[in-house]
């Protein structure tokens, strides 16, 4: 199983969830991982990921996305008919991130970047009002998320498998407990 991990806004491949996935993949030779720092431009981020997807001919692959990465995972899962696991996903990323227009700083690298109206428009173009293959998605969400309203995810992914956890936070600090479930779900269906 090849896994594409997509991190959240202002995050990076160094995030603790990304590193948990990397360590999990490294323990099993049957797994491989695509994990990079995504560009801040949504359009550039998707171009980069889709150029990688184009190299995966015939391979079984799935997606894991956290926050904004969950939004991207939803878009790519629908487009390519692949399974995806969403960790506290930003359902309405184009609305949520309107709060952070202007200068932002990456949590890990400290790099400062400008997030613009154009970036919001790029996100809006990726937003899917309805999911045609909701069964390909697993929602992992924590009710204590302080960044986004977990109920939006529960409603939007109502036809997907869901694990809703009381308490918690946006960072999903106990994600290690859900790694087995993540990979079981991704491997549960081979729809090349």
N, C-alpha and C. Protein backbone atom coordinates (compact mmCIF):
# COMPACT_ATOMS: atom_id res chain seq x y z
N UNK A 1 0.84 -1.19 0.00
CA UNK A 1 0.00 0.00 0.00
C UNK A 1 0.88 1.25 0.00
N UNK A 2 0.65 2.12 -0.96
CA UNK A 2 1.36 3.39 -1.03
C UNK A 2 0.45 4.47 -0.43
N UNK A 3 1.01 5.25 0.48
CA UNK A 3 0.22 6.26 1.18
C UNK A 3 0.74 7.65 0.84
N UNK A 4 -0.21 8.53 0.53
CA UNK A 4 0.10 9.94 0.32
C UNK A 4 -0.40 10.68 1.55
N UNK A 5 0.52 11.31 2.29
CA UNK A 5 0.13 12.05 3.49
C UNK A 5 0.15 13.54 3.19
N UNK A 6 -0.97 14.21 3.49
CA UNK A 6 -1.11 15.64 3.22
C UNK A 6 -1.31 16.39 4.54
N UNK A 7 -0.35 17.24 4.87
CA UNK A 7 -0.40 17.96 6.15
C UNK A 7 -1.31 19.18 6.08
N UNK A 8 -1.48 19.82 7.20
CA UNK A 8 -2.38 20.97 7.31
C UNK A 8 -1.72 22.30 7.00
N UNK A 9 -2.52 23.35 7.13
CA UNK A 9 -2.10 24.72 6.86
C UNK A 9 -1.03 25.14 7.88
N UNK A 10 0.03 25.77 7.40
CA UNK A 10 1.17 26.22 8.24
C UNK A 10 1.92 25.06 8.88
N UNK A 11 1.62 23.84 8.47
CA UNK A 11 2.30 22.67 9.02
C UNK A 11 3.32 22.18 8.00
N UNK A 12 3.81 20.97 8.20
CA UNK A 12 4.83 20.44 7.28
C UNK A 12 4.94 18.93 7.44
N UNK A 13 5.83 18.36 6.67
CA UNK A 13 6.10 16.92 6.76
C UNK A 13 6.69 16.56 8.12
N UNK A 14 7.12 17.55 8.88
CA UNK A 14 7.70 17.31 10.20
C UNK A 14 6.64 17.22 11.31
N UNK A 15 5.37 17.41 10.96
CA UNK A 15 4.31 17.37 11.99
C UNK A 15 4.29 16.01 12.67
N UNK A 16 3.82 15.98 13.91
CA UNK A 16 3.93 14.72 14.65
C UNK A 16 3.05 13.63 14.04
N UNK A 17 1.90 13.96 13.48
CA UNK A 17 1.06 12.93 12.85
C UNK A 17 1.74 12.38 11.60
N UNK A 18 2.33 13.27 10.82
CA UNK A 18 3.06 12.82 9.63
C UNK A 18 4.20 11.90 10.02
N UNK A 19 4.88 12.23 11.09
CA UNK A 19 6.01 11.39 11.53
C UNK A 19 5.53 10.05 12.09
N UNK A 20 4.37 10.05 12.75
CA UNK A 20 3.79 8.77 13.21
C UNK A 20 3.50 7.87 12.02
N UNK A 21 2.93 8.45 10.96
CA UNK A 21 2.63 7.67 9.76
C UNK A 21 3.93 7.17 9.13
N UNK A 22 4.94 8.04 9.06
CA UNK A 22 6.23 7.64 8.48
C UNK A 22 6.82 6.45 9.24
N UNK A 23 6.80 6.52 10.57
CA UNK A 23 7.34 5.43 11.39
C UNK A 23 6.55 4.14 11.19
N UNK A 24 5.24 4.26 11.07
CA UNK A 24 4.38 3.10 10.86
C UNK A 24 4.71 2.43 9.52
N UNK A 25 4.86 3.26 8.48
CA UNK A 25 5.16 2.76 7.14
C UNK A 25 6.53 2.08 7.12
N UNK A 26 7.50 2.66 7.83
CA UNK A 26 8.86 2.11 7.82
C UNK A 26 8.95 0.74 8.49
N UNK A 27 7.98 0.40 9.31
CA UNK A 27 8.00 -0.91 9.99
C UNK A 27 7.52 -2.05 9.09
N UNK A 28 6.95 -1.70 7.93
CA UNK A 28 6.37 -2.73 7.07
C UNK A 28 6.80 -2.48 5.62
N UNK A 29 7.56 -3.42 5.07
CA UNK A 29 8.08 -3.25 3.71
C UNK A 29 6.99 -3.21 2.65
N UNK A 30 5.79 -3.65 3.01
CA UNK A 30 4.69 -3.63 2.04
C UNK A 30 4.15 -2.21 1.83
N UNK A 31 4.55 -1.29 2.70
CA UNK A 31 4.07 0.08 2.62
C UNK A 31 5.14 1.02 2.06
N UNK A 32 4.68 2.08 1.41
CA UNK A 32 5.56 3.17 1.00
C UNK A 32 4.82 4.48 1.23
N UNK A 33 5.57 5.57 1.25
CA UNK A 33 4.98 6.84 1.67
C UNK A 33 5.47 8.00 0.81
N UNK A 34 4.51 8.86 0.45
CA UNK A 34 4.83 10.14 -0.18
C UNK A 34 4.52 11.20 0.87
N UNK A 35 5.56 11.88 1.35
CA UNK A 35 5.42 12.87 2.42
C UNK A 35 6.39 14.00 2.15
N UNK A 36 5.83 15.16 1.80
CA UNK A 36 6.67 16.34 1.52
C UNK A 36 6.01 17.58 2.11
N UNK A 37 6.78 18.65 2.17
CA UNK A 37 6.20 19.94 2.54
C UNK A 37 5.44 20.46 1.32
N UNK A 38 4.15 20.71 1.51
CA UNK A 38 3.32 21.17 0.40
C UNK A 38 3.49 22.68 0.20
N UNK A 39 3.42 23.14 -1.04
CA UNK A 39 3.44 24.59 -1.29
C UNK A 39 2.23 25.26 -0.62
N UNK A 40 2.37 26.55 -0.32
CA UNK A 40 1.26 27.27 0.33
C UNK A 40 0.12 27.52 -0.64
N UNK A 41 0.43 27.63 -1.92
CA UNK A 41 -0.60 27.80 -2.94
C UNK A 41 -1.34 26.48 -3.12
N UNK A 42 -2.67 26.46 -2.90
CA UNK A 42 -3.43 25.21 -3.10
C UNK A 42 -3.27 24.65 -4.51
N UNK A 43 -3.26 25.52 -5.49
CA UNK A 43 -3.12 25.07 -6.88
C UNK A 43 -1.77 24.38 -7.09
N UNK A 44 -0.71 24.98 -6.55
CA UNK A 44 0.63 24.38 -6.68
C UNK A 44 0.72 23.08 -5.88
N UNK A 45 0.09 23.06 -4.70
CA UNK A 45 0.11 21.84 -3.88
C UNK A 45 -0.54 20.68 -4.63
N UNK A 46 -1.70 20.93 -5.23
CA UNK A 46 -2.40 19.87 -5.95
C UNK A 46 -1.65 19.46 -7.20
N UNK A 47 -1.02 20.40 -7.89
CA UNK A 47 -0.24 20.07 -9.09
C UNK A 47 0.91 19.13 -8.72
N UNK A 48 1.55 19.41 -7.59
CA UNK A 48 2.67 18.59 -7.13
C UNK A 48 2.21 17.18 -6.77
N UNK A 49 1.12 17.08 -6.01
CA UNK A 49 0.61 15.78 -5.58
C UNK A 49 0.11 14.99 -6.79
N UNK A 50 -0.59 15.66 -7.70
CA UNK A 50 -1.13 14.95 -8.86
C UNK A 50 -0.02 14.51 -9.82
N UNK A 51 1.09 15.23 -9.85
CA UNK A 51 2.20 14.75 -10.69
C UNK A 51 2.79 13.48 -10.07
N UNK A 52 2.77 13.38 -8.75
CA UNK A 52 3.21 12.14 -8.09
C UNK A 52 2.20 11.02 -8.37
N UNK A 53 0.92 11.31 -8.26
CA UNK A 53 -0.12 10.30 -8.52
C UNK A 53 0.04 9.72 -9.93
N UNK A 54 0.42 10.56 -10.87
CA UNK A 54 0.59 10.11 -12.26
C UNK A 54 1.67 9.04 -12.39
N UNK A 55 2.57 8.95 -11.41
CA UNK A 55 3.65 7.94 -11.48
C UNK A 55 3.22 6.60 -10.86
N UNK A 56 2.02 6.54 -10.30
CA UNK A 56 1.61 5.36 -9.51
C UNK A 56 0.83 4.33 -10.31
N UNK A 57 0.98 4.32 -11.58
CA UNK A 57 0.21 3.43 -12.46
C UNK A 57 0.18 1.99 -11.93
N UNK A 58 -1.03 1.49 -11.70
CA UNK A 58 -1.19 0.10 -11.29
C UNK A 58 -0.94 -0.17 -9.82
N UNK A 59 -0.43 0.80 -9.07
CA UNK A 59 -0.16 0.57 -7.65
C UNK A 59 -1.41 0.87 -6.82
N UNK A 60 -1.53 0.15 -5.73
CA UNK A 60 -2.62 0.44 -4.82
C UNK A 60 -2.19 1.57 -3.90
N UNK A 61 -2.99 2.62 -3.81
CA UNK A 61 -2.62 3.76 -2.99
C UNK A 61 -3.85 4.39 -2.34
N UNK A 62 -3.57 5.12 -1.26
CA UNK A 62 -4.61 5.83 -0.55
C UNK A 62 -4.04 7.10 0.06
N UNK A 63 -4.91 7.86 0.70
CA UNK A 63 -4.55 9.19 1.19
C UNK A 63 -4.84 9.33 2.68
N UNK A 64 -4.00 10.10 3.35
CA UNK A 64 -4.27 10.52 4.73
C UNK A 64 -4.09 12.03 4.75
N UNK A 65 -5.08 12.74 5.29
CA UNK A 65 -4.96 14.19 5.32
C UNK A 65 -5.43 14.76 6.64
N UNK A 66 -4.68 15.71 7.14
CA UNK A 66 -5.00 16.38 8.40
C UNK A 66 -5.39 17.83 8.14
N UNK A 67 -6.52 18.27 8.69
CA UNK A 67 -6.97 19.66 8.58
C UNK A 67 -7.11 20.08 7.11
N UNK A 68 -6.30 21.06 6.64
CA UNK A 68 -6.36 21.42 5.21
C UNK A 68 -6.01 20.21 4.35
N UNK A 69 -5.10 19.36 4.84
CA UNK A 69 -4.78 18.13 4.11
C UNK A 69 -5.98 17.21 3.98
N UNK A 70 -6.90 17.28 4.95
CA UNK A 70 -8.15 16.52 4.86
C UNK A 70 -9.05 17.05 3.76
N UNK A 71 -9.06 18.35 3.60
CA UNK A 71 -9.80 18.97 2.48
C UNK A 71 -9.23 18.50 1.15
N UNK A 72 -7.89 18.55 1.03
CA UNK A 72 -7.24 18.07 -0.19
C UNK A 72 -7.51 16.58 -0.42
N UNK A 73 -7.47 15.80 0.66
CA UNK A 73 -7.72 14.36 0.56
C UNK A 73 -9.12 14.08 0.02
N UNK A 74 -10.09 14.85 0.49
CA UNK A 74 -11.47 14.70 0.01
C UNK A 74 -11.54 14.93 -1.49
N UNK A 75 -10.92 16.00 -1.95
CA UNK A 75 -10.91 16.35 -3.37
C UNK A 75 -10.26 15.24 -4.20
N UNK A 76 -9.10 14.77 -3.75
CA UNK A 76 -8.36 13.76 -4.51
C UNK A 76 -9.03 12.39 -4.45
N UNK A 77 -9.61 12.05 -3.30
CA UNK A 77 -10.32 10.77 -3.16
C UNK A 77 -11.47 10.68 -4.16
N UNK A 78 -12.22 11.76 -4.28
CA UNK A 78 -13.34 11.79 -5.23
C UNK A 78 -12.84 11.73 -6.67
N UNK A 79 -11.80 12.50 -6.96
CA UNK A 79 -11.30 12.59 -8.33
C UNK A 79 -10.74 11.25 -8.82
N UNK A 80 -10.00 10.55 -7.93
CA UNK A 80 -9.32 9.33 -8.35
C UNK A 80 -9.99 8.06 -7.85
N UNK A 81 -11.11 8.22 -7.14
CA UNK A 81 -11.86 7.07 -6.61
C UNK A 81 -10.97 6.20 -5.70
N UNK A 82 -10.28 6.86 -4.79
CA UNK A 82 -9.39 6.17 -3.85
C UNK A 82 -9.84 6.40 -2.43
N UNK A 83 -9.39 5.53 -1.55
CA UNK A 83 -9.72 5.67 -0.14
C UNK A 83 -8.90 6.75 0.53
N UNK A 84 -9.51 7.40 1.51
CA UNK A 84 -8.82 8.45 2.25
C UNK A 84 -9.24 8.47 3.70
N UNK A 85 -8.30 8.83 4.57
CA UNK A 85 -8.58 8.99 6.00
C UNK A 85 -8.39 10.46 6.33
N UNK A 86 -9.40 11.04 6.98
CA UNK A 86 -9.42 12.46 7.27
C UNK A 86 -9.27 12.67 8.76
N UNK A 87 -8.29 13.46 9.16
CA UNK A 87 -8.03 13.75 10.58
C UNK A 87 -8.42 15.20 10.83
N UNK A 88 -9.49 15.41 11.60
CA UNK A 88 -9.99 16.77 11.86
C UNK A 88 -9.94 17.62 10.58
N UNK A 89 -10.67 17.21 9.53
CA UNK A 89 -10.55 17.91 8.25
C UNK A 89 -11.21 19.30 8.24
N UNK A 90 -10.63 20.18 7.45
CA UNK A 90 -11.23 21.50 7.20
C UNK A 90 -12.24 21.33 6.07
N UNK A 91 -13.51 21.20 6.42
CA UNK A 91 -14.54 20.93 5.41
C UNK A 91 -14.69 22.10 4.45
N UNK A 92 -14.79 23.29 5.01
CA UNK A 92 -14.98 24.51 4.21
C UNK A 92 -13.69 25.34 4.28
N UNK A 93 -12.63 24.80 3.73
CA UNK A 93 -11.30 25.43 3.86
C UNK A 93 -11.31 26.86 3.32
N UNK A 94 -12.06 27.08 2.24
CA UNK A 94 -12.09 28.41 1.62
C UNK A 94 -12.74 29.44 2.53
N UNK A 95 -13.61 28.99 3.44
CA UNK A 95 -14.22 29.92 4.42
C UNK A 95 -13.34 30.02 5.66
N UNK A 96 -12.89 28.87 6.16
CA UNK A 96 -12.09 28.82 7.38
C UNK A 96 -10.83 29.68 7.25
N UNK A 97 -10.15 29.56 6.11
CA UNK A 97 -8.86 30.23 5.96
C UNK A 97 -9.00 31.70 5.56
N UNK A 98 -10.23 32.17 5.36
CA UNK A 98 -10.41 33.61 5.11
C UNK A 98 -9.99 34.41 6.35
N UNK A 99 -9.98 33.74 7.52
CA UNK A 99 -9.56 34.38 8.78
C UNK A 99 -8.06 34.66 8.83
N UNK A 100 -7.30 33.98 8.00
CA UNK A 100 -5.83 34.09 8.09
C UNK A 100 -5.21 34.71 6.85
N UNK A 101 -5.99 35.49 6.12
CA UNK A 101 -5.44 36.19 4.96
C UNK A 101 -4.29 37.08 5.41
N UNK A 102 -3.28 37.18 4.57
CA UNK A 102 -2.12 38.00 4.91
C UNK A 102 -0.93 37.15 5.30
N UNK A 103 -0.12 37.69 6.19
CA UNK A 103 1.14 37.04 6.56
C UNK A 103 0.91 35.89 7.54
N UNK A 104 1.50 34.75 7.27
CA UNK A 104 1.44 33.58 8.14
C UNK A 104 2.84 33.01 8.31
N UNK A 105 2.99 32.18 9.33
CA UNK A 105 4.31 31.61 9.63
C UNK A 105 4.18 30.10 9.81
N UNK A 106 5.03 29.35 9.11
CA UNK A 106 5.02 27.90 9.23
C UNK A 106 5.45 27.50 10.65
N UNK A 107 4.67 26.60 11.27
CA UNK A 107 4.93 26.17 12.65
C UNK A 107 6.30 25.51 12.82
N UNK A 108 6.75 24.85 11.78
CA UNK A 108 7.97 24.04 11.89
C UNK A 108 9.21 24.75 11.38
N UNK A 109 9.12 25.35 10.19
CA UNK A 109 10.29 25.98 9.58
C UNK A 109 10.45 27.44 9.96
N UNK A 110 9.35 28.06 10.41
CA UNK A 110 9.40 29.49 10.70
C UNK A 110 9.29 30.36 9.46
N UNK A 111 9.18 29.72 8.30
CA UNK A 111 9.08 30.48 7.04
C UNK A 111 7.81 31.32 7.04
N UNK A 112 7.95 32.59 6.66
CA UNK A 112 6.81 33.51 6.58
C UNK A 112 6.32 33.53 5.13
N UNK A 113 5.01 33.50 4.96
CA UNK A 113 4.44 33.52 3.62
C UNK A 113 3.13 34.31 3.62
N UNK A 114 2.72 34.70 2.43
CA UNK A 114 1.50 35.49 2.26
C UNK A 114 0.38 34.57 1.76
N UNK A 115 -0.74 34.58 2.47
CA UNK A 115 -1.91 33.82 2.03
C UNK A 115 -2.93 34.82 1.50
N UNK A 116 -3.35 34.63 0.26
CA UNK A 116 -4.09 35.68 -0.46
C UNK A 116 -5.51 35.26 -0.86
N UNK A 117 -6.27 36.23 -1.33
CA UNK A 117 -7.62 35.98 -1.87
C UNK A 117 -7.55 34.96 -3.01
N UNK A 118 -6.50 35.04 -3.81
CA UNK A 118 -6.34 34.09 -4.92
C UNK A 118 -6.25 32.65 -4.38
N UNK A 119 -5.56 32.47 -3.25
CA UNK A 119 -5.48 31.14 -2.66
C UNK A 119 -6.85 30.66 -2.20
N UNK A 120 -7.64 31.56 -1.63
CA UNK A 120 -9.01 31.18 -1.22
C UNK A 120 -9.83 30.76 -2.43
N UNK A 121 -9.68 31.48 -3.53
CA UNK A 121 -10.42 31.12 -4.76
C UNK A 121 -10.00 29.74 -5.27
N UNK A 122 -8.70 29.45 -5.16
CA UNK A 122 -8.22 28.12 -5.58
C UNK A 122 -8.87 27.03 -4.73
N UNK A 123 -8.99 27.29 -3.43
CA UNK A 123 -9.63 26.32 -2.53
C UNK A 123 -11.10 26.15 -2.87
N UNK A 124 -11.76 27.26 -3.15
CA UNK A 124 -13.20 27.21 -3.45
C UNK A 124 -13.46 26.35 -4.68
N UNK A 125 -12.54 26.39 -5.65
CA UNK A 125 -12.69 25.57 -6.86
C UNK A 125 -12.58 24.07 -6.55
N UNK A 126 -11.91 23.73 -5.46
CA UNK A 126 -11.75 22.31 -5.08
C UNK A 126 -12.87 21.82 -4.17
N UNK A 127 -13.68 22.74 -3.67
CA UNK A 127 -14.75 22.35 -2.74
C UNK A 127 -15.83 21.56 -3.48
N UNK A 128 -16.23 20.44 -2.90
CA UNK A 128 -17.26 19.58 -3.50
C UNK A 128 -18.52 19.68 -2.64
N UNK A 129 -19.59 20.30 -3.16
CA UNK A 129 -20.81 20.43 -2.36
C UNK A 129 -21.39 19.08 -1.93
N UNK A 130 -21.20 18.07 -2.78
CA UNK A 130 -21.69 16.73 -2.44
C UNK A 130 -20.64 15.69 -2.80
N UNK A 131 -20.61 14.64 -1.99
CA UNK A 131 -19.65 13.56 -2.23
C UNK A 131 -20.35 12.43 -2.97
N UNK A 132 -19.74 11.96 -4.05
CA UNK A 132 -20.34 10.87 -4.81
C UNK A 132 -19.84 9.51 -4.33
N UNK A 133 -18.71 9.50 -3.58
CA UNK A 133 -18.15 8.24 -3.09
C UNK A 133 -17.74 8.38 -1.63
N UNK A 134 -18.70 8.80 -0.82
CA UNK A 134 -18.43 9.05 0.60
C UNK A 134 -17.93 7.79 1.31
N UNK A 135 -18.29 6.62 0.79
CA UNK A 135 -17.87 5.36 1.44
C UNK A 135 -16.36 5.14 1.34
N UNK A 136 -15.69 5.92 0.49
CA UNK A 136 -14.23 5.81 0.37
C UNK A 136 -13.48 6.60 1.43
N UNK A 137 -14.23 7.27 2.30
CA UNK A 137 -13.60 8.15 3.29
C UNK A 137 -13.90 7.70 4.72
N UNK A 138 -12.90 7.82 5.57
CA UNK A 138 -13.04 7.58 7.01
C UNK A 138 -12.76 8.90 7.72
N UNK A 139 -13.71 9.35 8.52
CA UNK A 139 -13.56 10.58 9.28
C UNK A 139 -13.10 10.27 10.70
N UNK A 140 -11.95 10.83 11.09
CA UNK A 140 -11.49 10.78 12.47
C UNK A 140 -11.57 12.21 12.99
N UNK A 141 -12.45 12.46 13.93
CA UNK A 141 -12.61 13.84 14.40
C UNK A 141 -12.76 13.89 15.90
N UNK A 142 -12.28 14.99 16.47
CA UNK A 142 -12.36 15.17 17.92
C UNK A 142 -13.23 16.38 18.23
N UNK A 143 -14.20 16.17 19.11
CA UNK A 143 -15.18 17.20 19.44
C UNK A 143 -14.54 18.41 20.11
N UNK A 144 -13.36 18.21 20.71
CA UNK A 144 -12.68 19.31 21.38
C UNK A 144 -11.83 20.18 20.47
N UNK A 145 -11.95 19.98 19.14
CA UNK A 145 -11.16 20.75 18.17
C UNK A 145 -11.41 22.25 18.39
N UNK A 146 -10.32 22.99 18.68
CA UNK A 146 -10.44 24.42 18.97
C UNK A 146 -10.29 25.29 17.72
N UNK A 147 -9.96 24.68 16.59
CA UNK A 147 -9.72 25.45 15.36
C UNK A 147 -10.94 25.43 14.44
N UNK A 148 -11.58 24.28 14.34
CA UNK A 148 -12.74 24.19 13.46
C UNK A 148 -13.87 23.42 14.14
N UNK A 149 -15.07 23.60 13.60
CA UNK A 149 -16.27 22.99 14.18
C UNK A 149 -16.38 21.54 13.71
N UNK A 150 -16.13 20.62 14.63
CA UNK A 150 -16.13 19.19 14.26
C UNK A 150 -17.48 18.77 13.69
N UNK A 151 -18.56 19.43 14.10
CA UNK A 151 -19.90 19.05 13.65
C UNK A 151 -20.04 19.22 12.13
N UNK A 152 -19.32 20.19 11.57
CA UNK A 152 -19.34 20.37 10.11
C UNK A 152 -18.87 19.10 9.41
N UNK A 153 -17.81 18.47 9.96
CA UNK A 153 -17.30 17.23 9.38
C UNK A 153 -18.29 16.09 9.55
N UNK A 154 -18.89 16.00 10.74
CA UNK A 154 -19.88 14.94 11.00
C UNK A 154 -21.03 15.05 9.99
N UNK A 155 -21.47 16.26 9.73
CA UNK A 155 -22.58 16.48 8.79
C UNK A 155 -22.17 16.23 7.35
N UNK A 156 -21.05 16.81 6.95
CA UNK A 156 -20.60 16.74 5.56
C UNK A 156 -20.26 15.30 5.16
N UNK A 157 -19.64 14.56 6.08
CA UNK A 157 -19.23 13.17 5.79
C UNK A 157 -20.24 12.18 6.37
N UNK A 158 -21.51 12.56 6.39
CA UNK A 158 -22.54 11.72 7.05
C UNK A 158 -22.66 10.33 6.43
N UNK A 159 -22.27 10.18 5.16
CA UNK A 159 -22.36 8.87 4.51
C UNK A 159 -21.02 8.13 4.51
N UNK A 160 -20.07 8.65 5.26
CA UNK A 160 -18.76 8.01 5.41
C UNK A 160 -18.68 7.34 6.78
N UNK A 161 -17.77 6.37 6.90
CA UNK A 161 -17.50 5.81 8.22
C UNK A 161 -16.91 6.92 9.09
N UNK A 162 -17.31 6.96 10.36
CA UNK A 162 -16.86 8.03 11.24
C UNK A 162 -16.43 7.49 12.60
N UNK A 163 -15.38 8.10 13.13
CA UNK A 163 -15.00 7.89 14.53
C UNK A 163 -14.96 9.28 15.15
N UNK A 164 -15.94 9.55 16.00
CA UNK A 164 -16.06 10.86 16.65
C UNK A 164 -15.67 10.68 18.11
N UNK A 165 -14.68 11.45 18.54
CA UNK A 165 -14.10 11.28 19.87
C UNK A 165 -14.43 12.50 20.72
N UNK A 166 -14.93 12.26 21.91
CA UNK A 166 -15.20 13.36 22.84
C UNK A 166 -13.87 13.98 23.28
N UNK A 167 -13.88 15.29 23.49
CA UNK A 167 -12.65 15.96 23.93
C UNK A 167 -11.65 16.07 22.81
N UNK A 168 -10.37 15.99 23.18
CA UNK A 168 -9.32 16.08 22.17
C UNK A 168 -9.03 17.52 21.78
N UNK A 169 -8.33 17.67 20.64
CA UNK A 169 -7.95 18.99 20.15
C UNK A 169 -7.68 18.91 18.65
N UNK A 170 -7.40 20.06 18.04
CA UNK A 170 -7.19 20.07 16.60
C UNK A 170 -5.97 19.25 16.19
N UNK A 171 -4.98 19.21 17.06
CA UNK A 171 -3.76 18.46 16.75
C UNK A 171 -3.94 16.95 16.78
N UNK A 172 -5.05 16.47 17.37
CA UNK A 172 -5.36 15.04 17.48
C UNK A 172 -4.18 14.32 18.13
N UNK A 173 -3.90 14.74 19.38
CA UNK A 173 -2.68 14.31 20.08
C UNK A 173 -2.56 12.80 20.25
N UNK A 174 -3.68 12.08 20.27
CA UNK A 174 -3.60 10.63 20.47
C UNK A 174 -3.78 9.85 19.16
N UNK A 175 -3.37 10.46 18.05
CA UNK A 175 -3.52 9.80 16.75
C UNK A 175 -2.82 8.44 16.69
N UNK A 176 -1.78 8.26 17.47
CA UNK A 176 -1.05 6.98 17.47
C UNK A 176 -2.00 5.80 17.71
N UNK A 177 -3.06 6.03 18.49
CA UNK A 177 -4.02 4.96 18.80
C UNK A 177 -4.89 4.60 17.58
N UNK A 178 -4.85 5.41 16.54
CA UNK A 178 -5.72 5.21 15.38
C UNK A 178 -4.95 4.84 14.12
N UNK A 179 -3.66 4.58 14.25
CA UNK A 179 -2.85 4.21 13.08
C UNK A 179 -3.29 2.88 12.49
N UNK A 180 -3.50 1.88 13.33
CA UNK A 180 -3.94 0.58 12.81
C UNK A 180 -5.25 0.73 12.05
N UNK A 181 -6.18 1.45 12.64
CA UNK A 181 -7.48 1.67 12.00
C UNK A 181 -7.32 2.40 10.67
N UNK A 182 -6.43 3.39 10.65
CA UNK A 182 -6.16 4.14 9.42
C UNK A 182 -5.73 3.20 8.30
N UNK A 183 -4.77 2.34 8.58
CA UNK A 183 -4.23 1.47 7.54
C UNK A 183 -5.19 0.34 7.19
N UNK A 184 -5.93 -0.15 8.16
CA UNK A 184 -6.97 -1.16 7.86
C UNK A 184 -7.99 -0.59 6.90
N UNK A 185 -8.38 0.64 7.12
CA UNK A 185 -9.38 1.26 6.24
C UNK A 185 -8.80 1.46 4.83
N UNK A 186 -7.59 1.99 4.77
CA UNK A 186 -6.98 2.24 3.46
C UNK A 186 -6.80 0.96 2.65
N UNK A 187 -6.49 -0.12 3.34
CA UNK A 187 -6.25 -1.39 2.64
C UNK A 187 -7.53 -2.18 2.39
N UNK A 188 -8.62 -1.70 2.91
CA UNK A 188 -9.87 -2.45 2.86
C UNK A 188 -10.48 -2.62 1.49
N UNK A 189 -10.03 -1.84 0.54
CA UNK A 189 -10.64 -1.90 -0.77
C UNK A 189 -9.61 -1.54 -1.82
N UNK A 190 -9.50 -2.36 -2.83
CA UNK A 190 -8.54 -2.08 -3.92
C UNK A 190 -9.34 -1.69 -5.16
N UNK A 191 -9.45 -0.38 -5.37
CA UNK A 191 -10.21 0.05 -6.55
C UNK A 191 -9.29 0.83 -7.48
N UNK A 192 -8.46 0.08 -8.19
CA UNK A 192 -7.53 0.71 -9.13
C UNK A 192 -8.26 1.15 -10.39
